[in-house]
Amino acid sequence: MKKTFTFNASTIASTASKMNDSAFDYSVEAFKNKDYKASFHALLDYVNETFRPKYGNADGTEFNVPHGSIIVTVKIEGDELKITAPFLSLPEKNRIPLLRQVTSLNFNNLDLAQIILEDDRLFFEYSCPMALAEPYKIYYVLQEICRIGDRYDDEFVTKFNAQRIYEPKITPYDQKTVDGIYQVIQDSCREWKEAIGHFEGARQYGYAWNVTVTTVLKVLYHAHPQGQLLNDLNKFVWELDREDTPLPEVVANGKQAVEYLQNMSKEKLAENLYFIETFIPDKRRSTLKNIQENFKNAYDRVTEGLEQENYLLCCLMITHQFYNMYFHNNLQDDVNTVVVNALKNASAKPFNEAAPILYKALSDIMEGRLTPESSGGGIFKKIFKKS
């Protein structure tokens, strides 16, 4: 491996969060003042200010909000708040193993909401007095219903032939976009194959791990898949982060993830490429402080590596950090602009040329220089004063 991975821009230009902090503050204040209906309305406005007029009834007592392949119904009935969401209908076969999995979700994955069975249909359910509908708690209830429902319905439909109660409204990617994503995946897998062969041959398993997980993260960043493909790729990423397994074994398992992508037909890929409405975000909203804290250890290691002219370390570590940031966050636009420009300008370049570009972007983020006119300074100038 002699150069950086090719950069392919995301199919979605911006994933910046639409959440409104002031609305959440108002929700908390209204709850303290025992104005419980206003508190819940403000909580919806915190998530997305369009939800109340779009999905609510005239008197603001019932809301039916789609999230992926489920729809969440919230009703205010007198002094009671009731939240339900249709999940799945039991299949003719495989009922027992499916119900075992559902029981496991109730005991291990759900803290407040529960999945109940009524007439061969599974539903999420939660209720409490309005006086106990504290905003943090209700947001958590909605979050766990959306997270579990949208993830496991695809998995249970695939594994057990369960049937969805609510058929989601999706907008498939157009054919040109699908063709482009398929080609990016094939090209990325070829770049990975060259890199993994080099690092495994040299028994450099740390670098082999890096290029493997970065390839999967890059596909997630570029394609924004949905459905079972998203579930599978998320599982691959979490498995690649395991620390209880020897690194060569982790790399070997990770290779299966990239080969899985490489062998996927364009038709199968297209089934998982679409836009869909969501309620509670599946990623956290980024803040500059949080990003800086997460980058701190890598920044220190890269700075030390660059002082030793280890450009390979710099490029691989920074590229991984950037794609991993997208994996965990709905990223704010100012940081996104810095990162995209760096990845674009460093794309497919020799490591010694790409390292200053990537390091400057990382340094700008760490020092809060996010405006286009900002220039590098401090340790960046010291390390690359000859560049």
Protein backbone atom coordinates (compact mmCIF):
# COMPACT_ATOMS: atom_id res chain seq x y z
CA MET A 1 0.00 0.00 0.00
CA LYS A 2 1.66 3.18 -1.20
CA LYS A 3 -1.14 5.74 -1.14
CA THR A 4 -4.29 6.70 0.72
CA PHE A 5 -7.72 5.29 -0.05
CA THR A 6 -9.73 7.08 -2.72
CA PHE A 7 -12.30 9.45 -1.26
CA ASN A 8 -15.92 9.16 -2.40
CA ALA A 9 -18.28 11.85 -1.17
CA SER A 10 -21.38 10.92 0.81
CA THR A 11 -24.63 10.48 -1.10
CA ILE A 12 -26.19 12.74 1.57
CA ALA A 13 -24.52 16.14 1.66
CA SER A 14 -25.33 16.92 5.30
CA THR A 15 -26.37 14.84 8.29
CA ALA A 16 -26.36 17.75 10.73
CA SER A 17 -28.87 17.31 13.55
CA LYS A 18 -32.16 19.23 13.43
CA MET A 19 -32.57 19.13 17.21
CA ASN A 20 -33.40 22.35 19.02
CA ASP A 21 -31.82 22.69 22.47
CA SER A 22 -33.98 25.65 23.46
CA ALA A 23 -37.11 23.56 22.89
CA PHE A 24 -35.76 20.89 25.24
CA ASP A 25 -35.00 23.51 27.87
CA TYR A 26 -38.58 24.73 27.56
CA SER A 27 -39.84 21.14 27.86
CA VAL A 28 -37.96 20.71 31.14
CA GLU A 29 -39.20 24.05 32.45
CA ALA A 30 -42.83 23.27 31.51
CA PHE A 31 -42.59 19.90 33.26
CA LYS A 32 -41.30 21.57 36.42
CA ASN A 33 -44.28 23.93 36.21
CA LYS A 34 -46.63 20.93 35.86
CA ASP A 35 -47.71 21.97 32.36
CA TYR A 36 -47.30 18.40 31.17
CA LYS A 37 -48.96 18.68 27.77
CA ALA A 38 -46.83 21.68 26.85
CA SER A 39 -43.78 19.79 28.10
CA PHE A 40 -44.41 16.89 25.74
CA HIS A 41 -45.16 19.20 22.81
CA ALA A 42 -41.84 20.95 23.38
CA LEU A 43 -40.09 17.58 23.52
CA LEU A 44 -41.41 16.82 20.03
CA ASP A 45 -40.26 20.26 18.89
CA TYR A 46 -36.81 19.45 20.28
CA VAL A 47 -36.56 16.40 18.05
CA ASN A 48 -38.00 18.12 14.96
CA GLU A 49 -40.21 21.20 14.92
CA THR A 50 -42.18 19.87 11.90
CA PHE A 51 -43.48 16.77 13.71
CA ARG A 52 -46.37 18.34 15.65
CA PRO A 53 -48.16 19.93 12.68
CA LYS A 54 -47.24 17.07 10.35
CA TYR A 55 -48.13 14.04 12.47
CA GLY A 56 -50.43 15.37 15.24
CA ASN A 57 -54.18 15.81 15.53
CA ALA A 58 -55.91 19.18 15.92
CA ASP A 59 -55.87 19.29 19.72
CA GLY A 60 -52.36 17.93 20.10
CA THR A 61 -53.34 14.76 21.96
CA GLU A 62 -52.33 12.13 19.41
CA PHE A 63 -49.24 11.77 17.20
CA ASN A 64 -48.40 9.04 14.69
CA VAL A 65 -44.74 9.44 13.74
CA PRO A 66 -43.01 7.04 11.33
CA HIS A 67 -39.56 5.75 12.15
CA GLY A 68 -38.08 3.50 9.51
CA SER A 69 -40.22 0.40 9.31
CA ILE A 70 -42.32 1.10 12.43
CA ILE A 71 -44.73 3.88 13.33
CA VAL A 72 -44.82 5.30 16.85
CA THR A 73 -48.18 6.40 18.27
CA VAL A 74 -48.25 8.72 21.27
CA LYS A 75 -51.56 9.55 22.95
CA ILE A 76 -52.36 11.89 25.78
CA GLU A 77 -55.49 10.49 27.40
CA GLY A 78 -56.47 12.66 30.35
CA ASP A 79 -53.67 12.35 32.89
CA GLU A 80 -52.04 9.39 31.11
CA LEU A 81 -49.35 9.23 28.40
CA LYS A 82 -49.49 6.10 26.23
CA ILE A 83 -46.87 5.09 23.65
CA THR A 84 -47.35 2.16 21.28
CA ALA A 85 -45.71 0.95 18.08
CA PRO A 86 -46.71 -2.01 15.89
CA PHE A 87 -43.77 -4.34 15.43
CA LEU A 88 -44.37 -7.68 13.66
CA SER A 89 -46.95 -10.37 12.97
CA LEU A 90 -45.94 -13.90 13.92
CA PRO A 91 -45.13 -16.18 10.98
CA GLU A 92 -46.79 -19.55 10.47
CA LYS A 93 -43.46 -21.28 11.14
CA ASN A 94 -40.56 -20.34 13.39
CA ARG A 95 -42.86 -18.79 16.01
CA ILE A 96 -41.10 -20.28 19.01
CA PRO A 97 -37.56 -19.15 18.10
CA LEU A 98 -38.91 -15.70 17.23
CA LEU A 99 -40.71 -15.40 20.57
CA ARG A 100 -37.54 -16.47 22.36
CA GLN A 101 -35.68 -13.63 20.66
CA VAL A 102 -38.44 -11.18 21.61
CA THR A 103 -38.29 -12.34 25.24
CA SER A 104 -34.55 -11.73 25.18
CA LEU A 105 -35.14 -8.18 23.91
CA ASN A 106 -37.57 -7.52 26.75
CA PHE A 107 -35.11 -8.70 29.39
CA ASN A 108 -31.82 -7.50 27.93
CA ASN A 109 -32.39 -4.63 25.49
CA LEU A 110 -35.47 -2.74 26.67
CA ASP A 111 -35.45 -0.88 29.97
CA LEU A 112 -38.80 0.93 30.09
CA ALA A 113 -40.87 -0.08 27.07
CA GLN A 114 -41.85 -3.73 26.54
CA ILE A 115 -42.92 -5.85 23.59
CA ILE A 116 -46.33 -7.46 24.10
CA LEU A 117 -48.22 -10.10 22.10
CA GLU A 118 -51.85 -9.56 21.07
CA ASP A 119 -53.64 -11.83 18.57
CA ASP A 120 -50.42 -13.05 16.95
CA ARG A 121 -49.11 -9.49 16.69
CA LEU A 122 -46.20 -7.95 18.55
CA PHE A 123 -46.35 -4.35 19.80
CA PHE A 124 -44.11 -2.02 21.74
CA GLU A 125 -45.93 -0.51 24.68
CA TYR A 126 -45.24 2.04 27.41
CA SER A 127 -47.49 4.19 29.59
CA CYS A 128 -47.18 6.42 32.62
CA PRO A 129 -49.04 9.28 34.33
CA MET A 130 -48.34 12.64 32.71
CA ALA A 131 -46.97 13.77 36.06
CA LEU A 132 -44.18 11.19 35.58
CA ALA A 133 -43.54 11.93 31.89
CA GLU A 134 -40.24 13.66 32.58
CA PRO A 135 -38.65 14.78 29.26
CA TYR A 136 -35.37 12.89 29.62
CA LYS A 137 -37.23 9.68 30.43
CA ILE A 138 -39.77 9.97 27.62
CA TYR A 139 -37.05 10.74 25.09
CA TYR A 140 -35.24 7.59 26.25
CA VAL A 141 -38.44 5.52 25.86
CA LEU A 142 -38.95 6.80 22.33
CA GLN A 143 -35.28 6.23 21.53
CA GLU A 144 -35.24 2.59 22.65
CA ILE A 145 -38.49 1.79 20.81
CA CYS A 146 -37.18 3.34 17.60
CA ARG A 147 -33.74 1.76 17.91
CA ILE A 148 -34.93 -1.76 18.71
CA GLY A 149 -37.95 -1.68 16.41
CA ASP A 150 -36.19 -0.45 13.31
CA ARG A 151 -33.22 -2.75 13.79
CA TYR A 152 -34.84 -6.03 14.73
CA ASP A 153 -37.82 -6.00 12.42
CA ASP A 154 -35.48 -6.32 9.41
CA GLU A 155 -33.54 -9.05 11.18
CA PHE A 156 -36.64 -11.02 12.24
CA VAL A 157 -38.23 -10.69 8.80
CA THR A 158 -35.02 -12.07 7.29
CA LYS A 159 -34.37 -14.84 9.85
CA PHE A 160 -37.88 -15.96 10.79
CA ASN A 161 -40.08 -14.79 7.91
CA ALA A 162 -42.08 -12.54 10.25
CA GLN A 163 -44.40 -10.01 8.63
CA ARG A 164 -44.39 -6.27 9.20
CA ILE A 165 -47.58 -4.74 10.56
CA TYR A 166 -46.68 -1.32 9.17
CA GLU A 167 -45.26 -1.15 5.66
CA PRO A 168 -42.78 1.73 5.58
CA LYS A 169 -42.90 4.44 2.97
CA ILE A 170 -39.55 4.51 1.19
CA THR A 171 -38.03 6.41 -1.70
CA PRO A 172 -35.51 4.17 -3.51
CA TYR A 173 -32.25 5.64 -4.77
CA ASP A 174 -32.34 6.32 -8.49
CA GLN A 175 -30.52 3.86 -10.75
CA LYS A 176 -27.61 6.22 -11.44
CA THR A 177 -26.94 6.55 -7.70
CA VAL A 178 -27.19 2.79 -7.20
CA ASP A 179 -24.75 2.20 -10.07
CA GLY A 180 -22.34 4.72 -8.58
CA ILE A 181 -22.48 3.19 -5.10
CA TYR A 182 -21.98 -0.30 -6.47
CA GLN A 183 -18.88 0.86 -8.34
CA VAL A 184 -17.51 2.66 -5.27
CA ILE A 185 -17.93 -0.53 -3.23
CA GLN A 186 -16.12 -2.61 -5.84
CA ASP A 187 -13.28 -0.09 -6.12
CA SER A 188 -13.00 0.22 -2.33
CA CYS A 189 -12.82 -3.55 -1.95
CA ARG A 190 -10.06 -3.74 -4.55
CA GLU A 191 -8.07 -1.04 -2.75
CA TRP A 192 -8.60 -2.93 0.51
CA LYS A 193 -7.44 -6.22 -1.04
CA GLU A 194 -4.17 -4.68 -2.12
CA ALA A 195 -3.63 -3.11 1.30
CA ILE A 196 -4.58 -6.15 3.36
CA GLY A 197 -2.28 -8.38 1.32
CA HIS A 198 0.63 -6.08 2.02
CA PHE A 199 0.02 -5.72 5.76
CA GLU A 200 -0.81 -9.36 6.44
CA GLY A 201 2.27 -10.42 4.52
CA ALA A 202 4.36 -8.19 6.77
CA ARG A 203 2.38 -9.41 9.84
CA GLN A 204 1.38 -5.82 10.57
CA TYR A 205 -2.01 -6.74 11.98
CA GLY A 206 -2.67 -3.33 13.48
CA TYR A 207 -2.53 -1.74 10.05
CA ALA A 208 -4.47 -4.67 8.56
CA TRP A 209 -7.22 -4.05 11.12
CA ASN A 210 -7.21 -0.35 10.34
CA VAL A 211 -7.71 -0.68 6.57
CA THR A 212 -10.40 -3.34 7.08
CA VAL A 213 -12.59 -1.38 9.49
CA THR A 214 -11.99 1.84 7.55
CA THR A 215 -13.24 0.19 4.35
CA VAL A 216 -16.51 -0.84 6.02
CA LEU A 217 -16.90 2.61 7.62
CA LYS A 218 -16.21 4.26 4.27
CA VAL A 219 -19.02 2.29 2.61
CA LEU A 220 -21.42 3.23 5.40
CA TYR A 221 -20.42 6.89 5.03
CA HIS A 222 -20.79 6.93 1.26
CA ALA A 223 -23.87 4.76 0.72
CA HIS A 224 -26.05 5.32 3.82
CA PRO A 225 -27.68 1.87 3.43
CA GLN A 226 -30.85 0.83 5.22
CA GLY A 227 -32.53 -2.46 6.08
CA GLN A 228 -30.63 -5.64 6.80
CA LEU A 229 -27.49 -4.40 5.05
CA LEU A 230 -27.21 -1.58 7.59
CA ASN A 231 -27.70 -4.06 10.44
CA ASP A 232 -25.04 -6.38 9.03
CA LEU A 233 -22.46 -3.65 8.48
CA ASN A 234 -23.06 -2.20 11.95
CA LYS A 235 -22.47 -5.66 13.43
CA PHE A 236 -19.25 -6.00 11.46
CA VAL A 237 -17.99 -2.68 12.83
CA TRP A 238 -18.79 -3.63 16.43
CA GLU A 239 -17.14 -7.03 15.98
CA LEU A 240 -14.01 -5.37 14.59
CA ASP A 241 -13.80 -3.29 17.79
CA ARG A 242 -13.72 -6.32 20.09
CA GLU A 243 -10.80 -6.40 22.50
CA ASP A 244 -11.40 -9.92 23.84
CA THR A 245 -10.22 -11.62 20.63
CA PRO A 246 -6.64 -11.90 19.26
CA LEU A 247 -6.03 -9.25 16.61
CA PRO A 248 -5.21 -11.70 13.78
CA GLU A 249 -8.55 -13.40 14.42
CA VAL A 250 -10.37 -10.06 14.44
CA VAL A 251 -8.77 -9.20 11.10
CA ALA A 252 -9.70 -12.60 9.67
CA ASN A 253 -13.33 -12.06 10.69
CA GLY A 254 -13.23 -8.54 9.31
CA LYS A 255 -12.10 -9.81 5.94
CA GLN A 256 -15.41 -11.64 5.69
CA ALA A 257 -17.20 -8.30 6.02
CA VAL A 258 -15.40 -6.76 3.07
CA GLU A 259 -15.81 -9.92 1.00
CA TYR A 260 -19.52 -9.88 1.86
CA LEU A 261 -19.73 -6.40 0.38
CA GLN A 262 -17.64 -7.30 -2.64
CA ASN A 263 -19.79 -10.33 -3.48
CA MET A 264 -23.15 -8.56 -3.10
CA SER A 265 -25.03 -8.24 -6.36
CA LYS A 266 -26.15 -4.82 -7.54
CA GLU A 267 -29.78 -5.98 -7.29
CA LYS A 268 -29.38 -7.05 -3.65
CA LEU A 269 -27.55 -3.84 -2.86
CA ALA A 270 -30.36 -1.76 -4.40
CA GLU A 271 -32.91 -3.38 -2.07
CA ASN A 272 -31.14 -1.68 0.84
CA LEU A 273 -30.60 1.75 -0.70
CA TYR A 274 -33.47 4.11 -0.06
CA PHE A 275 -34.57 7.21 1.85
CA ILE A 276 -36.98 6.72 4.73
CA GLU A 277 -38.52 8.95 7.39
CA THR A 278 -37.19 8.66 10.94
CA PHE A 279 -38.32 9.87 14.35
CA ILE A 280 -35.51 9.58 16.88
CA PRO A 281 -31.99 9.83 15.34
CA ASP A 282 -29.97 6.62 15.41
CA LYS A 283 -26.76 8.59 15.92
CA ARG A 284 -25.83 11.16 18.50
CA ARG A 285 -25.63 14.83 17.64
CA SER A 286 -22.02 15.96 17.42
CA THR A 287 -20.47 18.76 19.42
CA LEU A 288 -17.00 20.12 18.86
CA LYS A 289 -16.03 19.39 22.47
CA ASN A 290 -17.09 15.76 22.19
CA ILE A 291 -15.22 15.32 18.90
CA GLN A 292 -12.07 16.85 20.37
CA GLU A 293 -12.24 14.53 23.38
CA ASN A 294 -12.63 11.49 21.14
CA PHE A 295 -9.73 12.58 18.91
CA LYS A 296 -7.32 13.43 21.75
CA ASN A 297 -5.45 10.12 22.00
CA ALA A 298 -5.17 9.70 18.24
CA TYR A 299 -4.00 13.31 17.88
CA ASP A 300 -1.21 12.76 20.38
CA ARG A 301 -0.11 9.53 18.66
CA VAL A 302 -0.21 11.05 15.20
CA THR A 303 1.72 14.12 16.31
CA GLU A 304 4.45 11.89 17.73
CA GLY A 305 4.42 9.73 14.61
CA LEU A 306 4.81 12.70 12.31
CA GLU A 307 7.78 13.97 14.27
CA GLN A 308 9.33 10.61 13.33
CA GLU A 309 8.14 11.03 9.70
CA ASN A 310 5.79 8.03 9.97
CA TYR A 311 3.38 9.23 7.28
CA LEU A 312 1.72 5.84 6.94
CA LEU A 313 0.61 5.90 10.57
CA CYS A 314 -0.65 9.45 10.18
CA CYS A 315 -2.78 8.74 7.12
CA LEU A 316 -4.29 5.48 8.30
CA MET A 317 -5.07 6.66 11.81
CA ILE A 318 -6.58 10.01 10.81
CA THR A 319 -8.65 8.51 8.00
CA HIS A 320 -10.05 5.91 10.40
CA GLN A 321 -10.83 8.57 13.00
CA PHE A 322 -12.72 10.65 10.46
CA TYR A 323 -14.89 7.81 9.14
CA ASN A 324 -15.47 6.53 12.67
CA MET A 325 -16.72 10.00 13.61
CA TYR A 326 -19.35 9.78 10.86
CA PHE A 327 -20.33 6.31 12.08
CA HIS A 328 -21.21 7.59 15.55
CA ASN A 329 -22.45 11.13 14.86
CA ASN A 330 -24.88 13.23 12.92
CA LEU A 331 -22.07 15.61 12.10
CA GLN A 332 -22.30 19.37 12.29
CA ASP A 333 -21.68 21.18 9.00
CA ASP A 334 -18.58 23.16 10.01
CA VAL A 335 -16.61 20.05 11.01
CA ASN A 336 -17.99 18.15 8.04
CA THR A 337 -16.63 20.80 5.66
CA VAL A 338 -13.13 20.60 7.16
CA VAL A 339 -13.07 16.79 6.98
CA VAL A 340 -14.52 16.49 3.48
CA ASN A 341 -12.05 18.99 2.08
CA ALA A 342 -9.14 17.14 3.67
CA LEU A 343 -10.26 13.67 2.53
CA LYS A 344 -10.88 15.02 -0.98
CA ASN A 345 -7.49 16.73 -1.22
CA ALA A 346 -5.65 13.72 0.24
CA SER A 347 -7.50 11.16 -1.91
CA ALA A 348 -5.27 8.51 -3.54
CA LYS A 349 -2.11 10.49 -2.78
CA PRO A 350 1.24 9.11 -1.58
CA PHE A 351 1.38 9.06 2.19
CA ASN A 352 4.04 11.77 2.46
CA GLU A 353 1.81 14.14 0.43
CA ALA A 354 -1.45 13.20 2.13
CA ALA A 355 -0.17 13.35 5.71
CA PRO A 356 0.17 17.17 5.93
CA ILE A 357 -3.34 17.61 4.48
CA LEU A 358 -5.00 15.19 6.87
CA TYR A 359 -3.00 16.36 9.87
CA LYS A 360 -3.90 19.99 9.24
CA ALA A 361 -7.60 19.09 9.24
CA LEU A 362 -7.22 17.16 12.48
CA SER A 363 -5.21 19.99 14.01
CA ASP A 364 -7.81 22.56 12.92
CA ILE A 365 -10.56 20.55 14.61
CA MET A 366 -8.54 20.11 17.80
CA GLU A 367 -7.85 23.86 17.96
CA GLY A 368 -11.34 24.92 16.87
CA ARG A 369 -10.28 26.50 13.59
CA LEU A 370 -13.35 25.67 11.51
CA THR A 371 -13.78 28.73 9.30
CA PRO A 372 -12.53 28.62 5.67
CA GLU A 373 -10.10 31.51 6.22
CA SER A 374 -8.41 29.83 9.20
CA SER A 375 -4.83 28.80 8.68
CA GLY A 376 -2.73 26.22 10.42
CA GLY A 377 -0.44 27.18 13.25
CA GLY A 378 1.38 25.90 16.26
CA ILE A 379 2.59 22.35 16.07
CA PHE A 380 1.39 21.96 12.45
CA LYS A 381 3.87 24.59 11.27
CA LYS A 382 6.60 23.08 13.40
CA ILE A 383 6.21 19.59 11.97
CA PHE A 384 5.73 20.59 8.34
CA LYS A 385 7.89 23.71 8.20
CA LYS A 386 9.82 22.17 5.27
CA SER A 387 6.69 21.14 3.31
